[in-house]
Every structure is written in structure tokens, then in C-alpha cells.
Amino acid sequence: MKKVIAWLKQSNRLKHIGGGIAIGTFADSDYCAAYAGIGVAAALELKDKLWGGKWDWIDFALTVAGVVVGRLIRIAICGK
């Protein structure tokens, strides 16, 4: 469990998941959630690359996965 928590703390991965969940939860439709989530994930990684870092596909995937989880939460609570 400690290894998983340490892995999630790398590169602000918890923030990527949390932001994705927020996007998915507050999006009005699946299309809106996907469009916003992928756009934000790409923008975050582009920012990292432009500031001298590397594109991190794991962070990108965690943001999009957070969007999916957030969307499922929204569907479970609101039914739409």
C-alpha cells in the first residue's frame, strides 16, 4: 500500500485524478466530459513539456480515468 501511495504522489498524480473526477462530475454529458477531460489532460502535459519536462502518458491517462470515474459518479447520483 505504501508503494501505491508513493507512486500516486509522484508528478502530482493525485491532483490529476482529482481534477479529472471534478470535470467528469460537473459535465452535463458524456461528450462534454470527454472533450473537456482530454483537452485539459493534453493542456497539462503540453505545459509540462513547454516548461522543460517530458510528456507523461501516465498523468494524461490518470486525468482521463478520473473523468470516467467522475462521470460514473454523476450518472449514479443524477441518472444522467
PDB file of N, CA and C in Angstrom:
ATOM      1  N   MET A   1       0.821  -1.190   0.000  1.00  0.00           N
ATOM      2  CA  MET A   1       0.000   0.000   0.000  1.00  0.00           C
ATOM      3  C   MET A   1       0.866   1.255   0.000  1.00  0.00           C
ATOM      4  N   LYS A   2       1.983   1.209   0.731  1.00  0.00           N
ATOM      5  CA  LYS A   2       2.878   2.362   0.773  1.00  0.00           C
ATOM      6  C   LYS A   2       3.455   2.662  -0.609  1.00  0.00           C
ATOM      7  N   LYS A   3       3.717   1.605  -1.383  1.00  0.00           N
ATOM      8  CA  LYS A   3       4.259   1.801  -2.729  1.00  0.00           C
ATOM      9  C   LYS A   3       3.242   2.482  -3.634  1.00  0.00           C
ATOM     10  N   VAL A   4       1.974   2.110  -3.493  1.00  0.00           N
ATOM     11  CA  VAL A   4       0.915   2.712  -4.308  1.00  0.00           C
ATOM     12  C   VAL A   4       0.766   4.195  -3.961  1.00  0.00           C
ATOM     13  N   ILE A   5       0.764   4.505  -2.678  1.00  0.00           N
ATOM     14  CA  ILE A   5       0.640   5.902  -2.252  1.00  0.00           C
ATOM     15  C   ILE A   5       1.847   6.706  -2.717  1.00  0.00           C
ATOM     16  N   ALA A   6       3.039   6.139  -2.599  1.00  0.00           N
ATOM     17  CA  ALA A   6       4.240   6.831  -3.072  1.00  0.00           C
ATOM     18  C   ALA A   6       4.171   7.052  -4.583  1.00  0.00           C
ATOM     19  N   TRP A   7       3.665   6.071  -5.316  1.00  0.00           N
ATOM     20  CA  TRP A   7       3.539   6.200  -6.769  1.00  0.00           C
ATOM     21  C   TRP A   7       2.541   7.298  -7.133  1.00  0.00           C
ATOM     22  N   LEU A   8       1.430   7.381  -6.380  1.00  0.00           N
ATOM     23  CA  LEU A   8       0.425   8.407  -6.651  1.00  0.00           C
ATOM     24  C   LEU A   8       0.921   9.807  -6.319  1.00  0.00           C
ATOM     25  N   LYS A   9       1.868   9.927  -5.413  1.00  0.00           N
ATOM     26  CA  LYS A   9       2.395  11.237  -5.049  1.00  0.00           C
ATOM     27  C   LYS A   9       3.396  11.761  -6.079  1.00  0.00           C
ATOM     28  N   GLN A  10       3.898  10.891  -6.936  1.00  0.00           N
ATOM     29  CA  GLN A  10       4.827  11.313  -7.980  1.00  0.00           C
ATOM     30  C   GLN A  10       4.100  12.164  -9.002  1.00  0.00           C
ATOM     31  N   SER A  11       4.713  13.246  -9.408  1.00  0.00           N
ATOM     32  CA  SER A  11       4.216  14.058 -10.514  1.00  0.00           C
ATOM     33  C   SER A  11       2.775  14.528 -10.301  1.00  0.00           C
ATOM     34  N   ASN A  12       2.368  14.743  -9.065  1.00  0.00           N
ATOM     35  CA  ASN A  12       1.019  15.235  -8.746  1.00  0.00           C
ATOM     36  C   ASN A  12      -0.088  14.358  -9.331  1.00  0.00           C
ATOM     37  N   ARG A  13       0.097  13.070  -9.284  1.00  0.00           N
ATOM     38  CA  ARG A  13      -0.889  12.163  -9.886  1.00  0.00           C
ATOM     39  C   ARG A  13      -2.227  12.225  -9.179  1.00  0.00           C
ATOM     40  N   LEU A  14      -2.231  12.456  -7.870  1.00  0.00           N
ATOM     41  CA  LEU A  14      -3.500  12.597  -7.153  1.00  0.00           C
ATOM     42  C   LEU A  14      -4.272  13.817  -7.643  1.00  0.00           C
ATOM     43  N   LYS A  15      -3.546  14.886  -7.957  1.00  0.00           N
ATOM     44  CA  LYS A  15      -4.203  16.087  -8.476  1.00  0.00           C
ATOM     45  C   LYS A  15      -4.789  15.824  -9.858  1.00  0.00           C
ATOM     46  N   HIS A  16      -4.113  15.040 -10.672  1.00  0.00           N
ATOM     47  CA  HIS A  16      -4.640  14.685 -11.986  1.00  0.00           C
ATOM     48  C   HIS A  16      -5.935  13.891 -11.845  1.00  0.00           C
ATOM     49  N   ILE A  17      -5.946  12.926 -10.941  1.00  0.00           N
ATOM     50  CA  ILE A  17      -7.155  12.125 -10.723  1.00  0.00           C
ATOM     51  C   ILE A  17      -8.277  12.993 -10.170  1.00  0.00           C
ATOM     52  N   GLY A  18      -7.962  13.812  -9.174  1.00  0.00           N
ATOM     53  CA  GLY A  18      -8.976  14.675  -8.566  1.00  0.00           C
ATOM     54  C   GLY A  18      -9.568  15.675  -9.539  1.00  0.00           C
ATOM     55  N   GLY A  19      -8.715  16.278 -10.352  1.00  0.00           N
ATOM     56  CA  GLY A  19      -9.212  17.212 -11.365  1.00  0.00           C
ATOM     57  C   GLY A  19     -10.082  16.516 -12.396  1.00  0.00           C
ATOM     58  N   GLY A  20      -9.684  15.327 -12.791  1.00  0.00           N
ATOM     59  CA  GLY A  20     -10.492  14.557 -13.738  1.00  0.00           C
ATOM     60  C   GLY A  20     -11.846  14.192 -13.161  1.00  0.00           C
ATOM     61  N   ILE A  21     -11.865  13.804 -11.895  1.00  0.00           N
ATOM     62  CA  ILE A  21     -13.139  13.482 -11.253  1.00  0.00           C
ATOM     63  C   ILE A  21     -14.041  14.712 -11.213  1.00  0.00           C
ATOM     64  N   ALA A  22     -13.466  15.864 -10.906  1.00  0.00           N
ATOM     65  CA  ALA A  22     -14.264  17.097 -10.874  1.00  0.00           C
ATOM     66  C   ALA A  22     -14.844  17.409 -12.252  1.00  0.00           C
ATOM     67  N   ILE A  23     -14.053  17.270 -13.299  1.00  0.00           N
ATOM     68  CA  ILE A  23     -14.533  17.525 -14.654  1.00  0.00           C
ATOM     69  C   ILE A  23     -15.663  16.561 -15.004  1.00  0.00           C
ATOM     70  N   GLY A  24     -15.468  15.285 -14.734  1.00  0.00           N
ATOM     71  CA  GLY A  24     -16.481  14.284 -15.054  1.00  0.00           C
ATOM     72  C   GLY A  24     -17.761  14.460 -14.265  1.00  0.00           C
ATOM     73  N   THR A  25     -17.638  14.861 -13.012  1.00  0.00           N
ATOM     74  CA  THR A  25     -18.815  15.026 -12.158  1.00  0.00           C
ATOM     75  C   THR A  25     -19.665  16.213 -12.590  1.00  0.00           C
ATOM     76  N   PHE A  26     -19.029  17.294 -12.983  1.00  0.00           N
ATOM     77  CA  PHE A  26     -19.774  18.509 -13.303  1.00  0.00           C
ATOM     78  C   PHE A  26     -20.112  18.666 -14.785  1.00  0.00           C
ATOM     79  N   ALA A  27     -19.686  17.731 -15.616  1.00  0.00           N
ATOM     80  CA  ALA A  27     -20.013  17.792 -17.042  1.00  0.00           C
ATOM     81  C   ALA A  27     -21.466  17.374 -17.255  1.00  0.00           C
ATOM     82  N   ASP A  28     -22.135  18.002 -18.215  1.00  0.00           N
ATOM     83  CA  ASP A  28     -23.546  17.734 -18.467  1.00  0.00           C
ATOM     84  C   ASP A  28     -23.798  16.513 -19.347  1.00  0.00           C
ATOM     85  N   SER A  29     -22.784  16.078 -20.089  1.00  0.00           N
ATOM     86  CA  SER A  29     -22.971  14.936 -20.979  1.00  0.00           C
ATOM     87  C   SER A  29     -21.658  14.170 -21.100  1.00  0.00           C
ATOM     88  N   ASP A  30     -21.762  12.971 -21.652  1.00  0.00           N
ATOM     89  CA  ASP A  30     -20.557  12.173 -21.874  1.00  0.00           C
ATOM     90  C   ASP A  30     -19.616  12.881 -22.843  1.00  0.00           C
ATOM     91  N   TYR A  31     -20.190  13.473 -23.888  1.00  0.00           N
ATOM     92  CA  TYR A  31     -19.384  14.176 -24.881  1.00  0.00           C
ATOM     93  C   TYR A  31     -18.646  15.343 -24.236  1.00  0.00           C
ATOM     94  N   CYS A  32     -19.356  16.115 -23.429  1.00  0.00           N
ATOM     95  CA  CYS A  32     -18.754  17.263 -22.755  1.00  0.00           C
ATOM     96  C   CYS A  32     -17.632  16.806 -21.827  1.00  0.00           C
ATOM     97  N   ALA A  33     -17.857  15.744 -21.080  1.00  0.00           N
ATOM     98  CA  ALA A  33     -16.846  15.224 -20.157  1.00  0.00           C
ATOM     99  C   ALA A  33     -15.605  14.769 -20.919  1.00  0.00           C
ATOM    100  N   ALA A  34     -15.804  14.021 -21.997  1.00  0.00           N
ATOM    101  CA  ALA A  34     -14.668  13.526 -22.777  1.00  0.00           C
ATOM    102  C   ALA A  34     -13.902  14.673 -23.429  1.00  0.00           C
ATOM    103  N   TYR A  35     -14.614  15.603 -24.014  1.00  0.00           N
ATOM    104  CA  TYR A  35     -13.991  16.729 -24.699  1.00  0.00           C
ATOM    105  C   TYR A  35     -13.181  17.578 -23.721  1.00  0.00           C
ATOM    106  N   ALA A  36     -13.793  17.927 -22.599  1.00  0.00           N
ATOM    107  CA  ALA A  36     -13.111  18.750 -21.607  1.00  0.00           C
ATOM    108  C   ALA A  36     -11.967  17.983 -20.948  1.00  0.00           C
ATOM    109  N   GLY A  37     -12.207  16.728 -20.594  1.00  0.00           N
ATOM    110  CA  GLY A  37     -11.189  15.942 -19.907  1.00  0.00           C
ATOM    111  C   GLY A  37      -9.951  15.699 -20.747  1.00  0.00           C
ATOM    112  N   ILE A  38     -10.146  15.319 -21.985  1.00  0.00           N
ATOM    113  CA  ILE A  38      -8.999  15.080 -22.872  1.00  0.00           C
ATOM    114  C   ILE A  38      -8.279  16.386 -23.169  1.00  0.00           C
ATOM    115  N   GLY A  39      -9.041  17.456 -23.347  1.00  0.00           N
ATOM    116  CA  GLY A  39      -8.432  18.763 -23.602  1.00  0.00           C
ATOM    117  C   GLY A  39      -7.599  19.250 -22.428  1.00  0.00           C
ATOM    118  N   VAL A  40      -8.133  19.121 -21.235  1.00  0.00           N
ATOM    119  CA  VAL A  40      -7.401  19.552 -20.043  1.00  0.00           C
ATOM    120  C   VAL A  40      -6.177  18.667 -19.819  1.00  0.00           C
ATOM    121  N   ALA A  41      -6.328  17.373 -19.984  1.00  0.00           N
ATOM    122  CA  ALA A  41      -5.189  16.464 -19.799  1.00  0.00           C
ATOM    123  C   ALA A  41      -4.065  16.805 -20.788  1.00  0.00           C
ATOM    124  N   ALA A  42      -4.431  17.055 -22.033  1.00  0.00           N
ATOM    125  CA  ALA A  42      -3.426  17.407 -23.040  1.00  0.00           C
ATOM    126  C   ALA A  42      -2.786  18.753 -22.723  1.00  0.00           C
ATOM    127  N   ALA A  43      -3.587  19.712 -22.273  1.00  0.00           N
ATOM    128  CA  ALA A  43      -3.048  21.027 -21.937  1.00  0.00           C
ATOM    129  C   ALA A  43      -2.066  20.940 -20.764  1.00  0.00           C
ATOM    130  N   LEU A  44      -2.387  20.138 -19.766  1.00  0.00           N
ATOM    131  CA  LEU A  44      -1.481  19.971 -18.629  1.00  0.00           C
ATOM    132  C   LEU A  44      -0.155  19.360 -19.063  1.00  0.00           C
ATOM    133  N   GLU A  45      -0.223  18.375 -19.915  1.00  0.00           N
ATOM    134  CA  GLU A  45       1.016  17.736 -20.366  1.00  0.00           C
ATOM    135  C   GLU A  45       1.806  18.631 -21.315  1.00  0.00           C
ATOM    136  N   LEU A  46       1.112  19.411 -22.136  1.00  0.00           N
ATOM    137  CA  LEU A  46       1.807  20.361 -23.004  1.00  0.00           C
ATOM    138  C   LEU A  46       2.525  21.403 -22.162  1.00  0.00           C
ATOM    139  N   LYS A  47       1.875  21.880 -21.103  1.00  0.00           N
ATOM    140  CA  LYS A  47       2.503  22.838 -20.197  1.00  0.00           C
ATOM    141  C   LYS A  47       3.777  22.255 -19.602  1.00  0.00           C
ATOM    142  N   ASP A  48       3.708  21.007 -19.158  1.00  0.00           N
ATOM    143  CA  ASP A  48       4.901  20.356 -18.609  1.00  0.00           C
ATOM    144  C   ASP A  48       6.015  20.283 -19.642  1.00  0.00           C
ATOM    145  N   LYS A  49       5.670  19.937 -20.872  1.00  0.00           N
ATOM    146  CA  LYS A  49       6.670  19.811 -21.933  1.00  0.00           C
ATOM    147  C   LYS A  49       7.292  21.161 -22.280  1.00  0.00           C
ATOM    148  N   LEU A  50       6.465  22.201 -22.334  1.00  0.00           N
ATOM    149  CA  LEU A  50       6.975  23.528 -22.678  1.00  0.00           C
ATOM    150  C   LEU A  50       7.867  24.106 -21.581  1.00  0.00           C
ATOM    151  N   TRP A  51       7.675  23.668 -20.361  1.00  0.00           N
ATOM    152  CA  TRP A  51       8.498  24.139 -19.252  1.00  0.00           C
ATOM    153  C   TRP A  51       9.725  23.248 -19.049  1.00  0.00           C
ATOM    154  N   GLY A  52      10.064  22.438 -20.035  1.00  0.00           N
ATOM    155  CA  GLY A  52      11.293  21.665 -19.992  1.00  0.00           C
ATOM    156  C   GLY A  52      11.146  20.239 -19.493  1.00  0.00           C
ATOM    157  N   GLY A  53       9.936  19.813 -19.187  1.00  0.00           N
ATOM    158  CA  GLY A  53       9.727  18.445 -18.728  1.00  0.00           C
ATOM    159  C   GLY A  53       9.437  17.510 -19.883  1.00  0.00           C
ATOM    160  N   LYS A  54       8.909  16.354 -19.551  1.00  0.00           N
ATOM    161  CA  LYS A  54       8.543  15.376 -20.565  1.00  0.00           C
ATOM    162  C   LYS A  54       7.032  15.184 -20.547  1.00  0.00           C
ATOM    163  N   TRP A  55       6.503  14.757 -21.670  1.00  0.00           N
ATOM    164  CA  TRP A  55       5.094  14.387 -21.757  1.00  0.00           C
ATOM    165  C   TRP A  55       4.933  13.102 -20.967  1.00  0.00           C
ATOM    166  N   ASP A  56       4.037  13.102 -19.998  1.00  0.00           N
ATOM    167  CA  ASP A  56       3.848  11.938 -19.140  1.00  0.00           C
ATOM    168  C   ASP A  56       2.502  11.292 -19.455  1.00  0.00           C
ATOM    169  N   TRP A  57       2.550  10.168 -20.162  1.00  0.00           N
ATOM    170  CA  TRP A  57       1.321   9.484 -20.555  1.00  0.00           C
ATOM    171  C   TRP A  57       0.557   8.946 -19.355  1.00  0.00           C
ATOM    172  N   ILE A  58       1.265   8.666 -18.282  1.00  0.00           N
ATOM    173  CA  ILE A  58       0.578   8.172 -17.082  1.00  0.00           C
ATOM    174  C   ILE A  58      -0.296   9.271 -16.498  1.00  0.00           C
ATOM    175  N   ASP A  59       0.232  10.485 -16.387  1.00  0.00           N
ATOM    176  CA  ASP A  59      -0.571  11.608 -15.901  1.00  0.00           C
ATOM    177  C   ASP A  59      -1.760  11.868 -16.816  1.00  0.00           C
ATOM    178  N   PHE A  60      -1.527  11.809 -18.113  1.00  0.00           N
ATOM    179  CA  PHE A  60      -2.605  12.003 -19.085  1.00  0.00           C
ATOM    180  C   PHE A  60      -3.706  10.960 -18.871  1.00  0.00           C
ATOM    181  N   ALA A  61      -3.293   9.698 -18.754  1.00  0.00           N
ATOM    182  CA  ALA A  61      -4.263   8.606 -18.581  1.00  0.00           C
ATOM    183  C   ALA A  61      -4.999   8.717 -17.247  1.00  0.00           C
ATOM    184  N   LEU A  62      -4.307   9.133 -16.197  1.00  0.00           N
ATOM    185  CA  LEU A  62      -4.963   9.277 -14.898  1.00  0.00           C
ATOM    186  C   LEU A  62      -5.989  10.406 -14.912  1.00  0.00           C
ATOM    187  N   THR A  63      -5.718  11.475 -15.636  1.00  0.00           N
ATOM    188  CA  THR A  63      -6.693  12.560 -15.756  1.00  0.00           C
ATOM    189  C   THR A  63      -7.941  12.063 -16.479  1.00  0.00           C
ATOM    190  N   VAL A  64      -7.743  11.360 -17.583  1.00  0.00           N
ATOM    191  CA  VAL A  64      -8.881  10.841 -18.347  1.00  0.00           C
ATOM    192  C   VAL A  64      -9.630   9.776 -17.535  1.00  0.00           C
ATOM    193  N   ALA A  65      -8.903   8.940 -16.806  1.00  0.00           N
ATOM    194  CA  ALA A  65      -9.555   7.939 -15.957  1.00  0.00           C
ATOM    195  C   ALA A  65     -10.374   8.618 -14.860  1.00  0.00           C
ATOM    196  N   GLY A  66      -9.858   9.714 -14.319  1.00  0.00           N
ATOM    197  CA  GLY A  66     -10.618  10.476 -13.333  1.00  0.00           C
ATOM    198  C   GLY A  66     -11.898  11.029 -13.910  1.00  0.00           C
ATOM    199  N   VAL A  67     -11.858  11.451 -15.164  1.00  0.00           N
ATOM    200  CA  VAL A  67     -13.066  11.941 -15.837  1.00  0.00           C
ATOM    201  C   VAL A  67     -14.097  10.821 -15.934  1.00  0.00           C
ATOM    202  N   VAL A  68     -13.658   9.634 -16.287  1.00  0.00           N
ATOM    203  CA  VAL A  68     -14.576   8.492 -16.397  1.00  0.00           C
ATOM    204  C   VAL A  68     -15.200   8.191 -15.036  1.00  0.00           C
ATOM    205  N   VAL A  69     -14.395   8.171 -13.990  1.00  0.00           N
ATOM    206  CA  VAL A  69     -14.911   7.908 -12.644  1.00  0.00           C
ATOM    207  C   VAL A  69     -15.894   9.003 -12.234  1.00  0.00           C
ATOM    208  N   GLY A  70     -15.539  10.256 -12.490  1.00  0.00           N
ATOM    209  CA  GLY A  70     -16.438  11.360 -12.164  1.00  0.00           C
ATOM    210  C   GLY A  70     -17.744  11.283 -12.922  1.00  0.00           C
ATOM    211  N   ARG A  71     -17.666  10.889 -14.160  1.00  0.00           N
ATOM    212  CA  ARG A  71     -18.891  10.753 -14.965  1.00  0.00           C
ATOM    213  C   ARG A  71     -19.767   9.622 -14.418  1.00  0.00           C
ATOM    214  N   LEU A  72     -19.150   8.524 -14.013  1.00  0.00           N
ATOM    215  CA  LEU A  72     -19.912   7.423 -13.418  1.00  0.00           C
ATOM    216  C   LEU A  72     -20.557   7.844 -12.099  1.00  0.00           C
ATOM    217  N   ILE A  73     -19.875   8.652 -11.328  1.00  0.00           N
ATOM    218  CA  ILE A  73     -20.451   9.182 -10.096  1.00  0.00           C
ATOM    219  C   ILE A  73     -21.670  10.038 -10.419  1.00  0.00           C
ATOM    220  N   ARG A  74     -21.535  10.908 -11.419  1.00  0.00           N
ATOM    221  CA  ARG A  74     -22.649  11.772 -11.815  1.00  0.00           C
ATOM    222  C   ARG A  74     -23.844  10.938 -12.279  1.00  0.00           C
ATOM    223  N   ILE A  75     -23.591   9.910 -13.071  1.00  0.00           N
ATOM    224  CA  ILE A  75     -24.671   9.055 -13.567  1.00  0.00           C
ATOM    225  C   ILE A  75     -25.330   8.307 -12.410  1.00  0.00           C
ATOM    226  N   ALA A  76     -24.528   7.843 -11.453  1.00  0.00           N
ATOM    227  CA  ALA A  76     -25.081   7.108 -10.313  1.00  0.00           C
ATOM    228  C   ALA A  76     -25.948   8.014  -9.436  1.00  0.00           C
ATOM    229  N   ILE A  77     -25.549   9.260  -9.291  1.00  0.00           N
ATOM    230  CA  ILE A  77     -26.280  10.169  -8.406  1.00  0.00           C
ATOM    231  C   ILE A  77     -27.478  10.792  -9.119  1.00  0.00           C
ATOM    232  N   CYS A  78     -27.251  11.334 -10.306  1.00  0.00           N
ATOM    233  CA  CYS A  78     -28.293  12.097 -11.000  1.00  0.00           C
ATOM    234  C   CYS A  78     -29.054  11.280 -12.035  1.00  0.00           C
ATOM    235  N   GLY A  79     -28.504  10.201 -12.497  1.00  0.00           N
ATOM    236  CA  GLY A  79     -29.166   9.392 -13.506  1.00  0.00           C
ATOM    237  C   GLY A  79     -29.006   9.918 -14.910  1.00  0.00           C
ATOM    238  N   LYS A  80     -28.152  10.913 -15.101  1.00  0.00           N
ATOM    239  CA  LYS A  80     -27.919  11.412 -16.468  1.00  0.00           C
ATOM    240  C   LYS A  80     -26.513  11.873 -16.638  1.00  0.00           C
TER     241      LYS A  80
END
